[in-house]
Amino acid sequence: MVVTGSQNVTRILLIGGGHTHVVALRRLASMKPAGLDIHLVSPEPSTSYSGLLPGHIAGHWPRTDLEIPLAPLCHPSGTTLHTTRAISLDPSARIAGLDDGRELAFEYASLDIGAIAAVDAPDGLVSVGVPVKPLGPFADQWSAFVSSVEAGANPPCAAVIGAGTAGVELALSMKHRLDKLDLTARPKVALIERGEVLLPDGNASMRRQLEKELNRACVTVYKGEPVVDADETLVRLASGESVPARFVALATGARPQSWLAGTGLALNDGFVSVSPTLQSISHPHIFACGDTAHLTFSPRPKAGVFAVRQGAVLAEQIGRLAANRALSEYHPQTDYLKLVSLGRRRAIAEKWGVSLNLPGMWSLKRHIDFDFMKDN
């Protein structure tokens, strides 16, 4: 069954509960543009905020603190929430297919469905590894593992595959959490990177400081070590070494949701190619943002800071559509403040190539993250 809108209003379909759509909905609640019928499709009734994940993994705040409920967010803007998953999109027919069997017609749609962990790995690692994305299921599986360790059902040994910023944060956070348990066995956490350096896209100053933190926390680091196999008890490296691990986190970069390939949208490595207005370069009535989008005009890494900034832009675009006005352009910042959690209540800040490891950085990160949650 195709669900259509009224002929007197313009239907806007927001697909995915990512950070951009969260911010856009909050802005739309205050803007209250007339003549719109807005719908949000999300597989879960809440969305997990990435900025708070390392602190939760480290045990600093509970699982519930990660979640932004979507229904209270939708209500002020008059948005209809559909708690189901979008599984297809026909841009030409302007119809989205849903996992519950329905189809939603729209005039304009926005895609903010995030990305999933990129796993180019042996079957054994794919089988036992827990992708960092989506965040919610990862957090749930980590909590289950910690409970099993506390109950004596599993030894306190874990591994993180991928030593980008997310991988380093997770390794430090996981080690901190396990160290705080009342255990007789000594916790072990390994950080495994197939490349020769940590933070392959980072700067030397940040890399040096994070290497010191990993050493301080007694996280075992393997560089230049591809994984050749894994099972429920260990990870095997190309060098022949076996790393004990009962929980394996996959922080191996991002890849797009597979169903985007069947949409006919112009893609770049599977991500939706967009113009400065955040419109698809092939289908202008489709917007894409956050990790779902490839900014053709100014490529940027898959970082939450860009998704959050795009929220205000998307809300403005929707308001301009309602008023039949020309769209504005998004200009991503060339540099931004990076705050990297260190497991313990410390963080490193980096901007303009300068890194600072000061006590106040943790408080700054906590303030920014919880301020974002409070606004939503």
Protein backbone atom coordinates (compact mmCIF):
# COMPACT_ATOMS: atom_id res chain seq x y z
CA MET A 1 0.00 0.00 0.00
CA VAL A 2 1.31 3.42 -0.96
CA VAL A 3 0.65 6.09 1.68
CA THR A 4 0.26 9.48 0.03
CA GLY A 5 -0.06 12.98 1.44
CA SER A 6 -2.62 15.72 1.02
CA GLN A 7 -2.60 17.70 -2.21
CA ASN A 8 -2.56 20.92 -0.18
CA VAL A 9 0.75 20.27 1.56
CA THR A 10 4.28 19.23 0.59
CA ARG A 11 5.40 15.95 2.08
CA ILE A 12 8.98 15.85 3.39
CA LEU A 13 10.28 12.39 4.19
CA LEU A 14 13.26 12.16 6.57
CA ILE A 15 14.82 8.72 6.26
CA GLY A 16 17.00 7.82 9.26
CA GLY A 17 17.39 9.20 12.75
CA GLY A 18 20.96 10.43 12.39
CA HIS A 19 22.50 13.50 14.01
CA THR A 20 21.59 15.82 11.11
CA HIS A 21 17.90 14.92 11.27
CA VAL A 22 17.91 15.27 15.06
CA VAL A 23 19.20 18.85 14.83
CA ALA A 24 16.94 19.65 11.87
CA LEU A 25 13.81 18.52 13.74
CA ARG A 26 14.69 20.69 16.72
CA ARG A 27 15.14 23.70 14.41
CA LEU A 28 11.91 22.98 12.55
CA ALA A 29 10.02 22.94 15.86
CA SER A 30 10.95 26.59 16.39
CA MET A 31 10.58 27.58 12.71
CA LYS A 32 7.15 25.93 12.24
CA PRO A 33 7.08 26.35 8.44
CA ALA A 34 3.54 26.16 7.04
CA GLY A 35 2.34 23.83 4.30
CA LEU A 36 4.54 20.85 5.21
CA ASP A 37 3.72 17.25 6.08
CA ILE A 38 6.93 15.92 7.63
CA HIS A 39 7.56 12.21 8.28
CA LEU A 40 10.54 10.54 9.96
CA VAL A 41 11.38 6.89 9.32
CA SER A 42 13.71 5.25 11.85
CA PRO A 43 14.19 1.57 12.74
CA GLU A 44 14.47 2.42 16.45
CA PRO A 45 12.41 4.74 18.69
CA SER A 46 15.61 6.52 19.74
CA THR A 47 18.99 7.36 18.26
CA SER A 48 22.40 6.96 19.89
CA TYR A 49 24.72 9.95 20.18
CA SER A 50 28.28 9.13 19.13
CA GLY A 51 29.98 11.74 21.32
CA LEU A 52 28.97 9.94 24.52
CA LEU A 53 29.87 6.42 23.38
CA PRO A 54 33.50 6.34 24.66
CA GLY A 55 32.41 7.59 28.10
CA HIS A 56 29.72 4.91 28.29
CA ILE A 57 32.14 2.18 27.22
CA ALA A 58 34.50 3.40 29.96
CA GLY A 59 31.69 3.19 32.53
CA HIS A 60 31.33 6.91 33.22
CA TRP A 61 27.62 7.11 32.35
CA PRO A 62 24.80 4.61 31.74
CA ARG A 63 23.50 3.31 28.45
CA THR A 64 20.38 5.45 28.69
CA ASP A 65 22.46 8.63 28.54
CA LEU A 66 23.41 7.82 24.93
CA GLU A 67 19.83 7.79 23.70
CA ILE A 68 17.79 10.61 22.18
CA PRO A 69 14.09 9.58 22.08
CA LEU A 70 12.64 10.47 18.69
CA ALA A 71 8.92 10.77 19.51
CA PRO A 72 9.34 13.82 21.82
CA LEU A 73 11.61 15.32 19.17
CA CYS A 74 9.01 14.86 16.42
CA HIS A 75 5.98 16.15 18.31
CA PRO A 76 6.82 19.89 18.50
CA SER A 77 7.33 20.12 14.72
CA GLY A 78 4.25 18.04 13.91
CA THR A 79 6.42 15.29 12.42
CA THR A 80 4.94 11.79 12.11
CA LEU A 81 7.31 9.08 13.36
CA HIS A 82 7.36 5.67 11.65
CA THR A 83 9.32 3.17 13.72
CA THR A 84 10.41 0.92 10.88
CA ARG A 85 13.33 0.62 8.51
CA ALA A 86 13.52 2.06 5.01
CA ILE A 87 14.75 -0.66 2.66
CA SER A 88 14.39 0.95 -0.76
CA LEU A 89 13.99 4.27 -2.51
CA ASP A 90 12.67 5.04 -5.98
CA PRO A 91 13.67 8.66 -6.62
CA SER A 92 11.85 8.83 -9.95
CA ALA A 93 8.53 7.57 -8.55
CA ARG A 94 9.19 9.42 -5.27
CA ILE A 95 8.37 6.39 -3.16
CA ALA A 96 10.25 4.84 -0.23
CA GLY A 97 9.74 1.17 0.64
CA LEU A 98 9.55 0.26 4.32
CA ASP A 99 10.40 -2.94 6.15
CA ASP A 100 6.81 -3.27 7.41
CA GLY A 101 5.53 -3.59 3.83
CA ARG A 102 4.23 -0.06 3.39
CA GLU A 103 5.40 2.49 0.85
CA LEU A 104 5.54 6.21 1.55
CA ALA A 105 5.14 8.74 -1.23
CA PHE A 106 6.93 12.08 -0.93
CA GLU A 107 7.76 15.29 -2.76
CA TYR A 108 11.18 15.68 -1.11
CA ALA A 109 13.26 13.22 0.91
CA SER A 110 16.39 13.46 3.02
CA LEU A 111 18.70 10.54 3.72
CA ASP A 112 20.53 10.41 7.06
CA ILE A 113 20.91 6.68 7.59
CA GLY A 114 24.51 6.74 8.75
CA ALA A 115 27.16 4.24 7.78
CA ILE A 116 28.18 0.79 8.97
CA ALA A 117 31.59 -0.60 9.82
CA ALA A 118 33.72 -1.42 6.78
CA VAL A 119 34.88 -5.00 7.24
CA ASP A 120 37.42 -6.24 4.70
CA ALA A 121 38.46 -9.21 6.78
CA PRO A 122 38.62 -13.01 7.03
CA ASP A 123 35.35 -14.81 7.60
CA GLY A 124 36.32 -15.65 11.17
CA LEU A 125 36.77 -11.99 12.08
CA VAL A 126 33.53 -11.02 10.35
CA SER A 127 31.77 -13.73 12.35
CA VAL A 128 33.01 -12.82 15.82
CA GLY A 129 33.71 -9.09 15.43
CA VAL A 130 31.26 -6.49 16.73
CA PRO A 131 31.01 -3.47 14.39
CA VAL A 132 31.21 -0.10 16.14
CA LYS A 133 28.43 1.15 13.86
CA PRO A 134 25.52 1.15 14.47
CA LEU A 135 26.35 2.51 17.92
CA GLY A 136 23.37 1.18 19.88
CA PRO A 137 23.88 -2.54 19.17
CA PHE A 138 27.62 -2.14 19.80
CA ALA A 139 26.99 -0.57 23.21
CA ASP A 140 24.53 -3.34 24.10
CA GLN A 141 26.97 -6.10 23.18
CA TRP A 142 29.76 -4.43 25.15
CA SER A 143 27.50 -4.22 28.22
CA ALA A 144 26.65 -7.91 27.86
CA PHE A 145 30.36 -8.76 27.66
CA VAL A 146 31.19 -6.73 30.79
CA SER A 147 28.38 -8.51 32.65
CA SER A 148 29.74 -11.88 31.55
CA VAL A 149 33.21 -10.93 32.80
CA GLU A 150 31.79 -9.85 36.17
CA ALA A 151 29.93 -13.16 36.40
CA GLY A 152 33.12 -15.12 35.66
CA ALA A 153 31.79 -16.48 32.38
CA ASN A 154 34.47 -14.74 30.28
CA PRO A 155 38.06 -13.68 30.94
CA PRO A 156 38.69 -9.90 30.74
CA CYS A 157 40.43 -9.83 27.37
CA ALA A 158 39.33 -7.78 24.37
CA ALA A 159 40.69 -6.43 21.11
CA VAL A 160 39.99 -3.47 18.86
CA ILE A 161 40.65 -3.79 15.13
CA GLY A 162 41.55 -0.47 13.51
CA ALA A 163 43.67 2.27 15.08
CA GLY A 164 42.02 5.41 13.81
CA THR A 165 40.70 7.90 16.33
CA ALA A 166 37.62 5.79 17.11
CA GLY A 167 39.71 2.66 17.61
CA VAL A 168 42.15 4.36 19.98
CA GLU A 169 39.29 5.90 21.99
CA LEU A 170 37.58 2.52 22.29
CA ALA A 171 40.72 0.65 23.30
CA LEU A 172 41.43 3.16 26.08
CA SER A 173 37.80 3.19 27.21
CA MET A 174 37.50 -0.60 27.22
CA LYS A 175 40.71 -0.99 29.23
CA HIS A 176 39.56 1.61 31.76
CA ARG A 177 36.23 -0.18 32.25
CA LEU A 178 37.79 -3.61 32.70
CA ASP A 179 40.46 -2.24 35.06
CA LYS A 180 37.71 -0.90 37.32
CA LEU A 181 36.12 -4.33 37.78
CA ASP A 182 36.93 -6.30 40.93
CA LEU A 183 38.75 -9.14 39.18
CA THR A 184 41.52 -11.56 40.06
CA ALA A 185 42.68 -11.85 36.44
CA ARG A 186 44.51 -8.88 34.89
CA PRO A 187 42.46 -7.30 32.05
CA LYS A 188 44.05 -7.29 28.62
CA VAL A 189 43.09 -5.05 25.71
CA ALA A 190 44.87 -5.11 22.34
CA LEU A 191 44.73 -2.49 19.59
CA ILE A 192 45.47 -4.02 16.18
CA GLU A 193 46.30 -1.93 13.10
CA ARG A 194 47.14 -3.38 9.69
CA GLY A 195 48.97 -0.19 8.70
CA GLU A 196 52.35 0.90 10.02
CA VAL A 197 51.13 3.86 12.10
CA LEU A 198 48.32 4.78 14.47
CA LEU A 199 45.95 7.51 13.38
CA PRO A 200 46.88 7.21 9.69
CA ASP A 201 44.90 10.39 8.96
CA GLY A 202 45.96 12.23 12.11
CA ASN A 203 48.81 14.61 12.90
CA ALA A 204 52.13 13.66 14.51
CA SER A 205 51.49 15.60 17.72
CA MET A 206 48.20 13.82 18.44
CA ARG A 207 49.75 10.47 17.48
CA ARG A 208 52.61 10.86 19.97
CA GLN A 209 50.32 11.80 22.82
CA LEU A 210 47.91 8.95 22.17
CA GLU A 211 50.76 6.45 21.97
CA LYS A 212 51.84 7.63 25.44
CA GLU A 213 48.30 7.17 26.73
CA LEU A 214 48.06 3.66 25.30
CA ASN A 215 51.35 2.77 26.95
CA ARG A 216 50.22 4.29 30.27
CA ALA A 217 47.00 2.28 30.16
CA CYS A 218 48.90 -0.93 29.29
CA VAL A 219 47.02 -1.41 26.02
CA THR A 220 49.04 -3.73 23.79
CA VAL A 221 49.48 -2.17 20.35
CA TYR A 222 50.15 -4.13 17.16
CA LYS A 223 51.12 -2.13 14.06
CA GLY A 224 51.62 -3.53 10.57
CA GLU A 225 49.66 -6.61 11.61
CA PRO A 226 46.80 -7.73 9.37
CA VAL A 227 44.34 -10.16 10.94
CA VAL A 228 44.28 -13.52 9.15
CA ASP A 229 41.67 -15.30 11.28
CA ALA A 230 39.68 -15.11 14.49
CA ASP A 231 37.39 -17.22 16.63
CA GLU A 232 35.53 -16.86 19.91
CA THR A 233 38.76 -16.94 21.96
CA LEU A 234 41.51 -15.25 19.96
CA VAL A 235 42.60 -13.17 16.98
CA ARG A 236 45.37 -14.54 14.75
CA LEU A 237 47.80 -12.11 13.13
CA ALA A 238 49.82 -12.41 9.92
CA SER A 239 53.02 -12.64 12.00
CA GLY A 240 51.72 -15.86 13.53
CA GLU A 241 50.96 -14.35 16.92
CA SER A 242 47.65 -15.13 18.60
CA VAL A 243 45.95 -12.39 20.62
CA PRO A 244 43.45 -13.57 23.27
CA ALA A 245 40.13 -11.79 22.88
CA ARG A 246 36.61 -12.66 23.98
CA PHE A 247 35.23 -9.37 22.66
CA VAL A 248 36.43 -7.97 19.33
CA ALA A 249 35.46 -4.43 18.30
CA LEU A 250 35.61 -3.54 14.61
CA ALA A 251 36.63 0.11 14.25
CA THR A 252 37.64 -0.32 10.63
CA GLY A 253 36.20 2.74 8.95
CA ALA A 254 32.80 3.31 7.38
CA ARG A 255 30.97 1.93 4.38
CA PRO A 256 27.53 2.90 3.08
CA GLN A 257 24.26 1.11 3.59
CA SER A 258 24.08 -1.47 0.80
CA TRP A 259 20.54 -0.65 -0.37
CA LEU A 260 21.66 2.78 -1.61
CA ALA A 261 23.26 1.03 -4.58
CA GLY A 262 19.82 0.15 -5.94
CA THR A 263 18.35 3.65 -5.78
CA GLY A 264 19.79 5.04 -9.01
CA LEU A 265 21.21 8.02 -7.11
CA ALA A 266 24.66 9.27 -8.10
CA LEU A 267 27.08 7.70 -5.62
CA ASN A 268 30.74 8.01 -4.68
CA ASP A 269 32.07 4.77 -3.16
CA GLY A 270 28.45 4.04 -2.28
CA PHE A 271 27.74 7.35 -0.54
CA VAL A 272 25.24 9.81 -2.01
CA SER A 273 26.99 12.58 -3.97
CA VAL A 274 25.58 15.96 -3.02
CA SER A 275 25.98 19.58 -4.09
CA PRO A 276 26.56 22.55 -1.71
CA THR A 277 22.79 22.66 -1.07
CA LEU A 278 22.99 19.04 0.23
CA GLN A 279 20.88 17.92 -2.76
CA SER A 280 21.71 14.81 -4.74
CA ILE A 281 23.61 15.82 -7.88
CA SER A 282 21.45 13.42 -9.90
CA HIS A 283 18.06 13.86 -8.20
CA PRO A 284 17.71 17.36 -6.65
CA HIS A 285 14.53 16.46 -4.77
CA ILE A 286 16.62 14.07 -2.65
CA PHE A 287 18.88 15.45 0.08
CA ALA A 288 21.61 13.50 1.86
CA CYS A 289 23.61 14.43 4.93
CA GLY A 290 25.82 13.15 7.72
CA ASP A 291 27.74 9.94 7.03
CA THR A 292 25.33 9.12 4.19
CA ALA A 293 26.58 11.98 2.03
CA HIS A 294 29.69 12.56 -0.05
CA LEU A 295 30.33 16.30 -0.32
CA THR A 296 31.43 16.56 -3.95
CA PHE A 297 32.32 20.23 -3.55
CA SER A 298 34.42 19.81 -0.39
CA PRO A 299 35.04 16.20 0.74
CA ARG A 300 35.23 15.75 4.52
CA PRO A 301 35.82 12.80 6.86
CA LYS A 302 32.89 10.90 8.35
CA ALA A 303 32.78 12.89 11.58
CA GLY A 304 29.82 13.79 13.77
CA VAL A 305 30.76 17.46 13.85
CA PHE A 306 29.83 17.83 10.18
CA ALA A 307 26.54 15.95 10.61
CA VAL A 308 25.54 18.23 13.50
CA ARG A 309 26.40 21.41 11.56
CA GLN A 310 24.37 20.19 8.58
CA GLY A 311 21.23 19.94 10.73
CA ALA A 312 20.66 23.69 10.78
CA VAL A 313 21.31 23.84 7.02
CA LEU A 314 18.80 21.10 6.27
CA ALA A 315 16.14 22.76 8.43
CA GLU A 316 16.69 26.01 6.55
CA GLN A 317 16.40 24.21 3.21
CA ILE A 318 13.09 22.67 4.27
CA GLY A 319 11.83 26.07 5.35
CA ARG A 320 12.90 27.56 2.03
CA LEU A 321 11.12 24.80 0.13
CA ALA A 322 7.94 25.58 2.05
CA ALA A 323 8.28 29.29 1.19
CA ASN A 324 9.23 28.57 -2.44
CA ARG A 325 12.56 30.35 -1.98
CA ALA A 326 15.98 29.58 -3.41
CA LEU A 327 18.07 27.20 -1.32
CA SER A 328 21.16 28.23 0.63
CA GLU A 329 24.60 26.60 0.47
CA TYR A 330 26.49 24.66 3.11
CA HIS A 331 30.13 25.60 3.68
CA PRO A 332 31.85 23.01 5.92
CA GLN A 333 34.53 24.26 8.25
CA THR A 334 38.10 23.58 7.12
CA ASP A 335 39.22 22.71 10.64
CA TYR A 336 37.39 21.84 13.83
CA LEU A 337 38.06 21.09 17.47
CA LYS A 338 38.74 17.38 17.98
CA LEU A 339 38.29 16.06 21.50
CA VAL A 340 39.52 12.50 21.98
CA SER A 341 38.57 10.58 25.14
CA LEU A 342 41.37 8.79 26.99
CA GLY A 343 39.30 6.25 28.89
CA ARG A 344 39.92 7.87 32.24
CA ARG A 345 38.38 11.28 32.83
CA ARG A 346 40.82 13.02 30.53
CA ALA A 347 40.71 14.10 26.90
CA ILE A 348 43.13 15.43 24.31
CA ALA A 349 42.11 18.45 22.26
CA GLU A 350 43.48 19.13 18.78
CA LYS A 351 42.98 22.02 16.40
CA TRP A 352 45.16 23.70 13.80
CA GLY A 353 47.66 20.88 14.22
CA VAL A 354 48.24 21.59 17.93
CA SER A 355 47.32 18.98 20.57
CA LEU A 356 46.67 19.73 24.24
CA ASN A 357 46.36 17.17 27.03
CA LEU A 358 45.03 19.25 29.93
CA PRO A 359 42.54 18.44 32.73
CA GLY A 360 40.06 20.99 31.43
CA MET A 361 39.66 19.22 28.10
CA TRP A 362 37.59 16.43 29.65
CA SER A 363 35.22 18.94 31.23
CA LEU A 364 34.93 20.76 27.91
CA LYS A 365 34.06 17.56 26.06
CA ARG A 366 31.53 16.54 28.69
CA HIS A 367 29.90 19.98 28.52
CA ILE A 368 29.67 19.93 24.71
CA ASP A 369 28.24 16.40 24.61
CA PHE A 370 25.64 16.81 27.34
CA ASP A 371 24.69 20.24 26.06
CA PHE A 372 23.87 18.60 22.72
CA MET A 373 21.72 16.01 24.50
CA LYS A 374 19.94 18.68 26.54
CA ASP A 375 19.02 20.60 23.41
CA ASN A 376 17.30 17.54 22.07
